[in-house]
C-alpha atoms as a PDB file:
ATOM      1  CA  MET A   1       0.000   0.000   0.000  1.00  0.00           C
ATOM      2  CA  ALA A   2       1.414   3.348  -1.011  1.00  0.00           C
ATOM      3  CA  MET A   3       1.678   6.250   1.359  1.00  0.00           C
ATOM      4  CA  ILE A   4      -0.255   9.434   0.699  1.00  0.00           C
ATOM      5  CA  GLU A   5       2.549  11.709  -0.428  1.00  0.00           C
ATOM      6  CA  GLU A   6       0.826  14.995   0.162  1.00  0.00           C
ATOM      7  CA  ILE A   7      -2.440  16.396   1.453  1.00  0.00           C
ATOM      8  CA  SER A   8      -2.913  20.112   1.197  1.00  0.00           C
ATOM      9  CA  ARG A   9      -3.059  22.227   4.337  1.00  0.00           C
ATOM     10  CA  ASP A  10      -6.710  23.013   3.621  1.00  0.00           C
ATOM     11  CA  ASP A  11      -7.534  19.306   3.292  1.00  0.00           C
ATOM     12  CA  CYS A  12      -5.660  18.591   6.539  1.00  0.00           C
ATOM     13  CA  ILE A  13      -7.829  21.180   8.295  1.00  0.00           C
ATOM     14  CA  LYS A  14     -10.981  19.558   6.875  1.00  0.00           C
ATOM     15  CA  LEU A  15      -9.808  16.060   7.800  1.00  0.00           C
ATOM     16  CA  SER A  16      -8.809  17.144  11.280  1.00  0.00           C
ATOM     17  CA  LYS A  17     -12.227  18.646  11.927  1.00  0.00           C
ATOM     18  CA  LYS A  18     -13.967  15.545  10.607  1.00  0.00           C
ATOM     19  CA  ILE A  19     -11.910  13.188  12.779  1.00  0.00           C
ATOM     20  CA  PHE A  20     -12.476  15.453  15.759  1.00  0.00           C
ATOM     21  CA  ASP A  21     -16.245  15.835  15.269  1.00  0.00           C
ATOM     22  CA  ASP A  22     -17.143  12.292  14.215  1.00  0.00           C
ATOM     23  CA  ILE A  23     -14.676  10.081  16.098  1.00  0.00           C
ATOM     24  CA  TYR A  24     -12.781  11.826  18.876  1.00  0.00           C
ATOM     25  CA  ARG A  25     -15.298  14.196  20.451  1.00  0.00           C
ATOM     26  CA  PRO A  26     -18.248  11.765  20.842  1.00  0.00           C
ATOM     27  CA  ALA A  27     -16.014   9.241  22.633  1.00  0.00           C
ATOM     28  CA  TYR A  28     -14.160  11.833  24.723  1.00  0.00           C
ATOM     29  CA  THR A  29     -17.413  13.412  25.869  1.00  0.00           C
ATOM     30  CA  PHE A  30     -18.986  10.060  26.725  1.00  0.00           C
ATOM     31  CA  LYS A  31     -16.043   8.518  28.550  1.00  0.00           C
ATOM     32  CA  THR A  32     -14.861   9.423  32.033  1.00  0.00           C
ATOM     33  CA  THR A  33     -11.239  10.531  31.703  1.00  0.00           C
ATOM     34  CA  ILE A  34      -9.121   9.550  34.704  1.00  0.00           C
ATOM     35  CA  PHE A  35      -5.640  10.681  35.706  1.00  0.00           C
ATOM     36  CA  LEU A  36      -4.499   7.688  37.796  1.00  0.00           C
ATOM     37  CA  CYS A  37      -1.747   8.346  40.354  1.00  0.00           C
ATOM     38  CA  GLY A  38      -0.109   6.107  42.932  1.00  0.00           C
ATOM     39  CA  ALA A  39       2.694   3.588  43.273  1.00  0.00           C
ATOM     40  CA  ASP A  40       4.722   2.474  40.256  1.00  0.00           C
ATOM     41  CA  ARG A  41       2.742   0.272  37.854  1.00  0.00           C
ATOM     42  CA  SER A  42       5.400  -2.429  38.153  1.00  0.00           C
ATOM     43  CA  GLN A  43       4.453  -2.976  41.802  1.00  0.00           C
ATOM     44  CA  THR A  44       1.719  -5.538  41.291  1.00  0.00           C
ATOM     45  CA  ASP A  45       0.949  -5.805  44.999  1.00  0.00           C
ATOM     46  CA  LYS A  46      -0.043  -2.129  45.243  1.00  0.00           C
ATOM     47  CA  MET A  47      -3.567  -0.766  44.909  1.00  0.00           C
ATOM     48  CA  ARG A  48      -2.812   1.327  41.841  1.00  0.00           C
ATOM     49  CA  PHE A  49      -1.939  -1.746  39.789  1.00  0.00           C
ATOM     50  CA  LYS A  50      -5.043  -3.586  41.017  1.00  0.00           C
ATOM     51  CA  ILE A  51      -7.342  -0.621  40.379  1.00  0.00           C
ATOM     52  CA  ALA A  52      -5.952  -0.097  36.865  1.00  0.00           C
ATOM     53  CA  LYS A  53      -6.486  -3.789  36.144  1.00  0.00           C
ATOM     54  CA  ALA A  54     -10.082  -3.652  37.444  1.00  0.00           C
ATOM     55  CA  LEU A  55     -10.955  -0.508  35.453  1.00  0.00           C
ATOM     56  CA  ASN A  56      -9.499  -2.076  32.307  1.00  0.00           C
ATOM     57  CA  SER A  57     -11.646  -5.184  32.679  1.00  0.00           C
ATOM     58  CA  TRP A  58     -14.501  -5.747  30.220  1.00  0.00           C
ATOM     59  CA  LYS A  59     -17.018  -4.539  32.780  1.00  0.00           C
ATOM     60  CA  TYR A  60     -15.545  -1.023  32.913  1.00  0.00           C
ATOM     61  CA  ARG A  61     -13.061  -0.533  30.059  1.00  0.00           C
ATOM     62  CA  PHE A  62     -15.527   1.155  27.698  1.00  0.00           C
ATOM     63  CA  GLN A  63     -16.552   3.666  30.388  1.00  0.00           C
ATOM     64  CA  TYR A  64     -13.105   4.972  31.252  1.00  0.00           C
ATOM     65  CA  ASP A  65     -10.105   6.451  29.504  1.00  0.00           C
ATOM     66  CA  ILE A  66      -7.112   6.214  31.835  1.00  0.00           C
ATOM     67  CA  VAL A  67      -4.111   8.555  31.622  1.00  0.00           C
ATOM     68  CA  TYR A  68      -0.931   7.656  33.533  1.00  0.00           C
ATOM     69  CA  PRO A  69       1.253  10.549  34.718  1.00  0.00           C
ATOM     70  CA  GLU A  70       4.549   8.788  33.993  1.00  0.00           C
ATOM     71  CA  ASP A  71       3.698   8.595  30.279  1.00  0.00           C
ATOM     72  CA  ILE A  72       3.045  12.332  30.166  1.00  0.00           C
ATOM     73  CA  PHE A  73       5.933  13.410  32.405  1.00  0.00           C
ATOM     74  CA  ASP A  74       8.585  11.361  30.633  1.00  0.00           C
ATOM     75  CA  GLU A  75       7.686  12.163  27.069  1.00  0.00           C
ATOM     76  CA  LEU A  76       5.061  14.810  26.507  1.00  0.00           C
ATOM     77  CA  LEU A  77       5.902  17.536  28.992  1.00  0.00           C
ATOM     78  CA  PHE A  78       9.507  17.345  30.071  1.00  0.00           C
ATOM     79  CA  SER A  79      10.816  16.638  26.564  1.00  0.00           C
ATOM     80  CA  SER A  80       9.660  20.053  25.355  1.00  0.00           C
ATOM     81  CA  LYS A  81      11.585  23.240  25.977  1.00  0.00           C
ATOM     82  CA  SER A  82       8.750  25.426  24.773  1.00  0.00           C
ATOM     83  CA  LYS A  83       7.581  28.022  27.272  1.00  0.00           C
ATOM     84  CA  ASP A  84       4.131  27.945  25.697  1.00  0.00           C
ATOM     85  CA  LEU A  85       3.200  24.440  26.843  1.00  0.00           C
ATOM     86  CA  LEU A  86       0.398  24.349  29.378  1.00  0.00           C
ATOM     87  CA  SER A  87       1.351  23.611  32.951  1.00  0.00           C
ATOM     88  CA  LEU A  88       0.428  20.266  34.430  1.00  0.00           C
ATOM     89  CA  GLU A  89      -2.211  21.909  36.602  1.00  0.00           C
ATOM     90  CA  GLY A  90      -3.837  23.565  33.612  1.00  0.00           C
ATOM     91  CA  LEU A  91      -3.770  20.343  31.609  1.00  0.00           C
ATOM     92  CA  LEU A  92      -5.442  18.396  34.385  1.00  0.00           C
ATOM     93  CA  ALA A  93      -8.036  21.046  35.122  1.00  0.00           C
ATOM     94  CA  GLU A  94      -9.266  21.178  31.527  1.00  0.00           C
ATOM     95  CA  SER A  95      -8.554  17.645  30.284  1.00  0.00           C
ATOM     96  CA  VAL A  96      -9.835  15.128  32.843  1.00  0.00           C
ATOM     97  CA  ASP A  97     -13.038  14.358  34.714  1.00  0.00           C
ATOM     98  CA  ALA A  98     -11.269  12.933  37.745  1.00  0.00           C
ATOM     99  CA  ILE A  99      -7.869  12.572  39.371  1.00  0.00           C
ATOM    100  CA  VAL A 100      -7.817   9.219  41.147  1.00  0.00           C
ATOM    101  CA  LEU A 101      -4.976   9.159  43.639  1.00  0.00           C
ATOM    102  CA  ILE A 102      -3.898   6.259  45.842  1.00  0.00           C
ATOM    103  CA  PRO A 103      -1.560   7.586  48.577  1.00  0.00           C
ATOM    104  CA  GLU A 104       0.669   4.531  48.973  1.00  0.00           C
ATOM    105  CA  SER A 105       4.106   5.823  47.954  1.00  0.00           C
ATOM    106  CA  PRO A 106       6.302   8.885  48.729  1.00  0.00           C
ATOM    107  CA  GLY A 107       5.596  10.330  45.277  1.00  0.00           C
ATOM    108  CA  ALA A 108       1.843   9.855  45.685  1.00  0.00           C
ATOM    109  CA  PHE A 109       1.874  11.662  49.042  1.00  0.00           C
ATOM    110  CA  THR A 110       3.641  14.582  47.360  1.00  0.00           C
ATOM    111  CA  GLU A 111       1.026  14.606  44.582  1.00  0.00           C
ATOM    112  CA  LEU A 112      -1.742  14.507  47.187  1.00  0.00           C
ATOM    113  CA  GLY A 113      -0.385  17.625  48.866  1.00  0.00           C
ATOM    114  CA  ALA A 114       0.005  19.461  45.561  1.00  0.00           C
ATOM    115  CA  PHE A 115      -3.420  18.540  44.165  1.00  0.00           C
ATOM    116  CA  ALA A 116      -5.294  19.096  47.437  1.00  0.00           C
ATOM    117  CA  ASN A 117      -3.874  22.601  47.707  1.00  0.00           C
ATOM    118  CA  ASP A 118      -5.035  23.536  44.205  1.00  0.00           C
ATOM    119  CA  GLU A 119      -8.595  24.843  44.417  1.00  0.00           C
ATOM    120  CA  GLU A 120      -9.580  23.627  40.949  1.00  0.00           C
ATOM    121  CA  LEU A 121      -7.882  20.243  41.088  1.00  0.00           C
ATOM    122  CA  ARG A 122      -9.201  19.145  44.461  1.00  0.00           C
ATOM    123  CA  LYS A 123     -12.754  19.401  43.073  1.00  0.00           C
ATOM    124  CA  LYS A 124     -11.773  16.576  40.711  1.00  0.00           C
ATOM    125  CA  LEU A 125      -9.759  14.572  43.219  1.00  0.00           C
ATOM    126  CA  ILE A 126     -10.822  11.134  44.460  1.00  0.00           C
ATOM    127  CA  CYS A 127      -8.522   9.473  46.983  1.00  0.00           C
ATOM    128  CA  VAL A 128      -8.646   5.705  47.409  1.00  0.00           C
ATOM    129  CA  ILE A 129      -7.498   4.840  50.917  1.00  0.00           C
ATOM    130  CA  ASP A 130      -6.899   1.676  52.917  1.00  0.00           C
ATOM    131  CA  LYS A 131      -9.946   1.446  55.192  1.00  0.00           C
ATOM    132  CA  ARG A 132      -7.706   0.624  58.182  1.00  0.00           C
ATOM    133  CA  TYR A 133      -6.685   4.290  58.272  1.00  0.00           C
ATOM    134  CA  LYS A 134     -10.187   5.762  58.040  1.00  0.00           C
ATOM    135  CA  LYS A 135     -10.252   7.007  61.641  1.00  0.00           C
ATOM    136  CA  THR A 136      -6.530   7.487  62.151  1.00  0.00           C
ATOM    137  CA  LYS A 137      -5.617  10.877  63.587  1.00  0.00           C
ATOM    138  CA  SER A 138      -2.856  11.922  61.257  1.00  0.00           C
ATOM    139  CA  PHE A 139      -1.675  14.948  59.321  1.00  0.00           C
ATOM    140  CA  ILE A 140      -2.863  13.313  56.079  1.00  0.00           C
ATOM    141  CA  ASN A 141      -6.391  12.778  57.405  1.00  0.00           C
ATOM    142  CA  GLN A 142      -6.663  16.150  59.093  1.00  0.00           C
ATOM    143  CA  GLY A 143      -4.910  18.068  56.302  1.00  0.00           C
ATOM    144  CA  PRO A 144      -5.175  17.252  52.576  1.00  0.00           C
ATOM    145  CA  LEU A 145      -7.878  14.567  52.883  1.00  0.00           C
ATOM    146  CA  LYS A 146     -10.078  16.939  54.848  1.00  0.00           C
ATOM    147  CA  LEU A 147      -9.692  19.519  52.068  1.00  0.00           C
ATOM    148  CA  VAL A 148     -10.596  16.918  49.465  1.00  0.00           C
ATOM    149  CA  LYS A 149     -13.749  15.849  51.300  1.00  0.00           C
ATOM    150  CA  LYS A 150     -14.820  19.467  51.725  1.00  0.00           C
ATOM    151  CA  ALA A 151     -14.473  20.118  47.973  1.00  0.00           C
ATOM    152  CA  ASN A 152     -16.008  16.801  46.910  1.00  0.00           C
ATOM    153  CA  LYS A 153     -18.174  14.841  49.324  1.00  0.00           C
ATOM    154  CA  HIS A 154     -17.560  11.686  47.266  1.00  0.00           C
ATOM    155  CA  GLY A 155     -13.809  12.316  47.151  1.00  0.00           C
ATOM    156  CA  LEU A 156     -12.736   9.776  49.768  1.00  0.00           C
ATOM    157  CA  VAL A 157     -13.157   6.074  49.024  1.00  0.00           C
ATOM    158  CA  PHE A 158     -12.125   3.615  51.737  1.00  0.00           C
ATOM    159  CA  VAL A 159     -11.430   0.083  50.543  1.00  0.00           C
ATOM    160  CA  ASP A 160      -9.875  -3.224  51.491  1.00  0.00           C
ATOM    161  CA  PRO A 161      -6.635  -3.245  49.457  1.00  0.00           C
ATOM    162  CA  ASN A 162      -6.674  -7.045  49.381  1.00  0.00           C
ATOM    163  CA  ASP A 163     -10.118  -7.235  47.774  1.00  0.00           C
ATOM    164  CA  ILE A 164     -10.054  -4.568  45.027  1.00  0.00           C
ATOM    165  CA  GLU A 165     -11.979  -6.814  42.645  1.00  0.00           C
ATOM    166  CA  ASN A 166     -15.042  -6.527  44.884  1.00  0.00           C
ATOM    167  CA  GLU A 167     -14.301  -3.038  46.217  1.00  0.00           C
ATOM    168  CA  ILE A 168     -13.899  -1.390  42.805  1.00  0.00           C
ATOM    169  CA  GLU A 169     -17.617  -0.626  42.608  1.00  0.00           C
ATOM    170  CA  LYS A 170     -17.149   1.945  45.394  1.00  0.00           C
ATOM    171  CA  LEU A 171     -14.753   3.879  43.174  1.00  0.00           C
ATOM    172  CA  ASN A 172     -16.993   3.404  40.149  1.00  0.00           C
ATOM    173  CA  SER A 173     -19.901   4.919  42.107  1.00  0.00           C
ATOM    174  CA  SER A 174     -17.845   7.970  43.125  1.00  0.00           C
ATOM    175  CA  LEU A 175     -16.632   8.456  39.554  1.00  0.00           C
ATOM    176  CA  LYS A 176     -20.188   8.391  38.193  1.00  0.00           C
ATOM    177  CA  LYS A 177     -21.252  11.047  40.682  1.00  0.00           C
ATOM    178  CA  LEU A 178     -18.236  13.224  39.910  1.00  0.00           C
ATOM    179  CA  LYS A 179     -18.787  12.855  36.158  1.00  0.00           C
ATOM    180  CA  LYS A 180     -22.203  14.538  36.541  1.00  0.00           C
ATOM    181  CA  VAL A 181     -20.702  17.722  37.980  1.00  0.00           C
ATOM    182  CA  SER A 182     -17.185  17.662  36.552  1.00  0.00           C
ATOM    183  CA  SER A 183     -16.250  19.486  33.372  1.00  0.00           C
ATOM    184  CA  LYS A 184     -13.502  19.091  30.830  1.00  0.00           C
ATOM    185  CA  ARG A 185     -12.782  21.165  27.775  1.00  0.00           C
ATOM    186  CA  SER A 186     -14.079  19.536  24.608  1.00  0.00           C
ATOM    187  CA  ASP A 187     -13.620  22.241  21.983  1.00  0.00           C
ATOM    188  CA  LYS A 188     -10.012  21.280  21.299  1.00  0.00           C
ATOM    189  CA  ILE A 189      -7.624  18.418  22.004  1.00  0.00           C
ATOM    190  CA  SER A 190      -5.183  18.779  24.876  1.00  0.00           C
ATOM    191  CA  LEU A 191      -1.753  17.209  25.153  1.00  0.00           C
ATOM    192  CA  LEU A 192      -3.117  14.538  27.504  1.00  0.00           C
ATOM    193  CA  GLN A 193      -5.548  13.313  24.847  1.00  0.00           C
ATOM    194  CA  LEU A 194      -3.429  13.628  21.736  1.00  0.00           C
ATOM    195  CA  ASP A 195      -2.900   9.878  21.365  1.00  0.00           C
ATOM    196  CA  ASN A 196      -6.675   9.386  21.057  1.00  0.00           C
ATOM    197  CA  PHE A 197      -6.663  11.743  18.075  1.00  0.00           C
ATOM    198  CA  ILE A 198      -3.540  10.321  16.425  1.00  0.00           C
ATOM    199  CA  LEU A 199      -4.774   6.711  16.553  1.00  0.00           C
ATOM    200  CA  PRO A 200      -7.854   7.329  14.366  1.00  0.00           C
ATOM    201  CA  SER A 201      -5.807   9.613  12.109  1.00  0.00           C
ATOM    202  CA  ILE A 202      -3.334   6.811  11.404  1.00  0.00           C
ATOM    203  CA  PHE A 203      -6.151   4.250  11.163  1.00  0.00           C
ATOM    204  CA  LEU A 204      -7.800   6.257   8.381  1.00  0.00           C
ATOM    205  CA  LEU A 205      -4.675   7.317   6.490  1.00  0.00           C
ATOM    206  CA  GLN A 206      -2.173   4.521   7.057  1.00  0.00           C
ATOM    207  CA  PRO A 207       0.514   4.441   5.963  1.00  0.00           C
ATOM    208  CA  VAL A 208       0.900   8.113   6.737  1.00  0.00           C
ATOM    209  CA  SER A 209       3.859  10.488   6.963  1.00  0.00           C
ATOM    210  CA  ILE A 210       4.770  12.476  10.032  1.00  0.00           C
ATOM    211  CA  LYS A 211       4.340  15.679   8.009  1.00  0.00           C
ATOM    212  CA  ILE A 212       0.626  14.991   7.479  1.00  0.00           C
ATOM    213  CA  LEU A 213       0.169  14.016  11.140  1.00  0.00           C
ATOM    214  CA  ILE A 214       1.803  17.255  12.266  1.00  0.00           C
ATOM    215  CA  ASN A 215      -0.572  19.274  10.070  1.00  0.00           C
ATOM    216  CA  LEU A 216      -3.569  17.376  11.466  1.00  0.00           C
ATOM    217  CA  VAL A 217      -2.393  17.903  15.046  1.00  0.00           C
ATOM    218  CA  ALA A 218      -1.738  21.611  14.461  1.00  0.00           C
ATOM    219  CA  SER A 219      -5.356  22.024  13.433  1.00  0.00           C
ATOM    220  CA  ALA A 220      -6.812  19.804  16.170  1.00  0.00           C
ATOM    221  CA  THR A 221      -4.880  21.428  19.012  1.00  0.00           C
ATOM    222  CA  GLN A 222      -5.143  24.923  17.552  1.00  0.00           C
ATOM    223  CA  ASP A 223      -1.425  25.235  18.169  1.00  0.00           C
ATOM    224  CA  GLU A 224       0.895  25.405  15.162  1.00  0.00           C
ATOM    225  CA  VAL A 225       3.884  26.588  17.212  1.00  0.00           C
ATOM    226  CA  ASN A 226       4.167  23.367  19.232  1.00  0.00           C
ATOM    227  CA  ALA A 227       2.652  20.936  16.709  1.00  0.00           C
ATOM    228  CA  PHE A 228       5.976  19.359  15.699  1.00  0.00           C
ATOM    229  CA  GLN A 229       7.067  18.778  19.294  1.00  0.00           C
ATOM    230  CA  THR A 230       3.740  17.476  20.556  1.00  0.00           C
ATOM    231  CA  THR A 231       3.232  15.186  17.552  1.00  0.00           C
ATOM    232  CA  THR A 232       6.683  13.615  17.701  1.00  0.00           C
ATOM    233  CA  THR A 233       6.534  13.034  21.448  1.00  0.00           C
ATOM    234  CA  ALA A 234       3.002  11.583  21.210  1.00  0.00           C
ATOM    235  CA  LEU A 235       4.239   9.252  18.454  1.00  0.00           C
ATOM    236  CA  THR A 236       7.092   8.217  20.739  1.00  0.00           C
ATOM    237  CA  ILE A 237       4.602   7.360  23.505  1.00  0.00           C
ATOM    238  CA  LEU A 238       2.432   5.322  21.131  1.00  0.00           C
ATOM    239  CA  THR A 239       5.483   3.522  19.733  1.00  0.00           C
ATOM    240  CA  LYS A 240       6.665   2.594  23.242  1.00  0.00           C
ATOM    241  CA  LYS A 241       3.171   1.309  24.000  1.00  0.00           C
ATOM    242  CA  LYS A 242       3.455  -0.834  20.838  1.00  0.00           C
ATOM    243  CA  GLN A 243       0.290   0.716  19.385  1.00  0.00           C
ATOM    244  CA  ILE A 244       1.942   2.100  16.238  1.00  0.00           C
ATOM    245  CA  GLU A 245       4.965   1.285  14.121  1.00  0.00           C
ATOM    246  CA  LEU A 246       7.051   3.264  11.666  1.00  0.00           C
ATOM    247  CA  THR A 247       7.535   1.445   8.378  1.00  0.00           C
ATOM    248  CA  THR A 248       9.477   2.462   5.290  1.00  0.00           C
ATOM    249  CA  ILE A 249       6.296   3.962   3.842  1.00  0.00           C
ATOM    250  CA  GLY A 250       4.915   5.668   6.936  1.00  0.00           C
ATOM    251  CA  TYR A 251       3.207   5.125  10.288  1.00  0.00           C
ATOM    252  CA  LYS A 252       0.738   2.248  10.708  1.00  0.00           C
ATOM    253  CA  LEU A 253      -1.271   0.870  13.615  1.00  0.00           C
ATOM    254  CA  THR A 254      -0.334  -2.422  15.231  1.00  0.00           C
ATOM    255  CA  GLY A 255      -2.998  -4.934  16.263  1.00  0.00           C
ATOM    256  CA  LEU A 256      -2.926  -3.439  19.753  1.00  0.00           C
ATOM    257  CA  GLY A 257      -3.323   0.045  18.301  1.00  0.00           C
ATOM    258  CA  VAL A 258      -6.416  -0.969  16.326  1.00  0.00           C
ATOM    259  CA  GLU A 259      -7.882  -2.565  19.469  1.00  0.00           C
ATOM    260  CA  ASN A 260      -7.267   0.564  21.559  1.00  0.00           C
ATOM    261  CA  PHE A 261      -8.728   2.792  18.862  1.00  0.00           C
ATOM    262  CA  PHE A 262     -11.980   0.818  18.828  1.00  0.00           C
ATOM    263  CA  VAL A 263     -12.115   0.624  22.633  1.00  0.00           C
ATOM    264  CA  PHE A 264     -11.788   4.406  22.896  1.00  0.00           C
ATOM    265  CA  SER A 265     -14.280   5.147  20.118  1.00  0.00           C
ATOM    266  CA  LYS A 266     -16.987   2.814  21.404  1.00  0.00           C
ATOM    267  CA  THR A 267     -19.953   4.361  23.222  1.00  0.00           C
ATOM    268  CA  ARG A 268     -22.878   2.830  25.063  1.00  0.00           C
ATOM    269  CA  SER A 269     -25.589   3.641  22.532  1.00  0.00           C
ATOM    270  CA  ARG A 270     -25.864   1.004  19.780  1.00  0.00           C
ATOM    271  CA  ILE A 271     -27.582   3.463  17.436  1.00  0.00           C
ATOM    272  CA  LYS A 272     -24.959   6.103  18.039  1.00  0.00           C
ATOM    273  CA  ARG A 273     -22.235   3.489  17.583  1.00  0.00           C
ATOM    274  CA  HIS A 274     -23.743   2.472  14.237  1.00  0.00           C
ATOM    275  CA  ASP A 275     -23.803   6.106  13.122  1.00  0.00           C
ATOM    276  CA  GLU A 276     -20.163   6.535  14.127  1.00  0.00           C
ATOM    277  CA  THR A 277     -19.177   3.385  12.202  1.00  0.00           C
ATOM    278  CA  VAL A 278     -20.935   4.700   9.092  1.00  0.00           C
ATOM    279  CA  GLU A 279     -19.108   8.035   9.452  1.00  0.00           C
ATOM    280  CA  ILE A 280     -15.751   6.240   9.705  1.00  0.00           C
ATOM    281  CA  ASP A 281     -16.495   4.097   6.635  1.00  0.00           C
ATOM    282  CA  ASN A 282     -17.576   7.158   4.637  1.00  0.00           C
ATOM    283  CA  LEU A 283     -14.447   9.021   5.658  1.00  0.00           C
ATOM    284  CA  ARG A 284     -12.232   6.120   4.657  1.00  0.00           C
ATOM    285  CA  LEU A 285     -13.949   6.071   1.258  1.00  0.00           C
ATOM    286  CA  GLU A 286     -13.261   9.795   0.830  1.00  0.00           C
ATOM    287  CA  ILE A 287      -9.589   9.210   1.651  1.00  0.00           C
ATOM    288  CA  LEU A 288      -9.328   6.272  -0.772  1.00  0.00           C
ATOM    289  CA  ASN A 289     -10.756   8.482  -3.518  1.00  0.00           C
ATOM    290  CA  LEU A 290      -8.164  11.123  -2.700  1.00  0.00           C
ATOM    291  CA  LYS A 291      -5.392   8.548  -2.555  1.00  0.00           C
ATOM    292  CA  TYR A 292      -6.029   6.515  -5.671  1.00  0.00           C
ATOM    293  CA  ARG A 293      -8.321   8.644  -7.842  1.00  0.00           C
ATOM    294  CA  LYS A 294      -6.970  12.098  -6.926  1.00  0.00           C
ATOM    295  CA  LYS A 295     -10.498  13.268  -6.102  1.00  0.00           C
ATOM    296  CA  LYS A 296     -11.015  16.260  -3.853  1.00  0.00           C
ATOM    297  CA  LEU A 297     -12.240  15.632  -0.350  1.00  0.00           C
ATOM    298  CA  LYS A 298     -15.973  16.245   0.006  1.00  0.00           C
ATOM    299  CA  LEU A 299     -16.114  16.997   3.697  1.00  0.00           C
END
C-alpha cells in the first residue's frame, strides 16, 4: 500500500475537523477521563496496579479512559523546551473528569499535597485509601484529605486493598457522581488526549507520513507553534506502547493500536455506535478516492 505523499493544508484542516467531530469528540465526551496516580505500575501488589487492572476489565473498560502521569511526564511535557506548553495543573483542570490518587508511595503523598492545595484540582480529586486508616488521627487525614472531602463529598473512598476486585464498585460509584458535575474542555484536544486523536488519524490514512500528522495535530490542538514537538513526542509514547509502528512507507497501527482505537471510540448507545461506524467508513472512502483517484475531499 502506497503512502499518501501529500495532502494540502486546507484538506488537513478539513480532515482534522472531521476526525475530531465524528470520532474523537463523541467518545471523549462520553467517557470518564481519569488521571491515575499512585505507586509504580510495576508494583503488582499495590492498589494502583489492582485498580488499573479492574478498570481495564470488560465490565468497565468502555466507560473509562485512563491517563498515567509517567507517560506524560517522561515524554510529553519534560521533553519540550517550549515556554508555551500548558502547565500540568492547567492540563489536568481542563482535560480530565477525575484525578484518582492512591496515597501509597512517597511520590503519591507529594502529589496529594500538591493537588489538594489547588482549588480547581481538588474538586476533581478522588482518593482511594486503605480502610484501616479511616479514623486514624494523622496529618494526612486532618490536612489534605479533609480539604478533598470538603471540595467533593464523594472524594474519599475507603477500601480493602486485598479485595479490590469486589471493592472497585465503590470507586466506580464515586466516579459516576463526579462525572455529573465535573467538566472538561471539549472544543479542542489537549496534550493529555493527543494519542486518542492520532490513533484514528493513522487508522484512516495509514501508511501516513509524520508531516501529514503534524498538520492534522496543528489544526486539532489549535497550536501550530508546538505541533511538531507534541506530535513527535506523542508518536514516541504510542510507539513505546506498541500501538503504532514506523515502516518504510509511513506510520501504521499495530494490532494493539487498532484494538485501543476501537475501545476508545466505542460508546454505550448502539444506534450512536452504528452512526459513528458509518461516518468512519464514509471518511475512509473519501480518503481512498483522494489517494487513488486524486479526487477532492468532500467533507
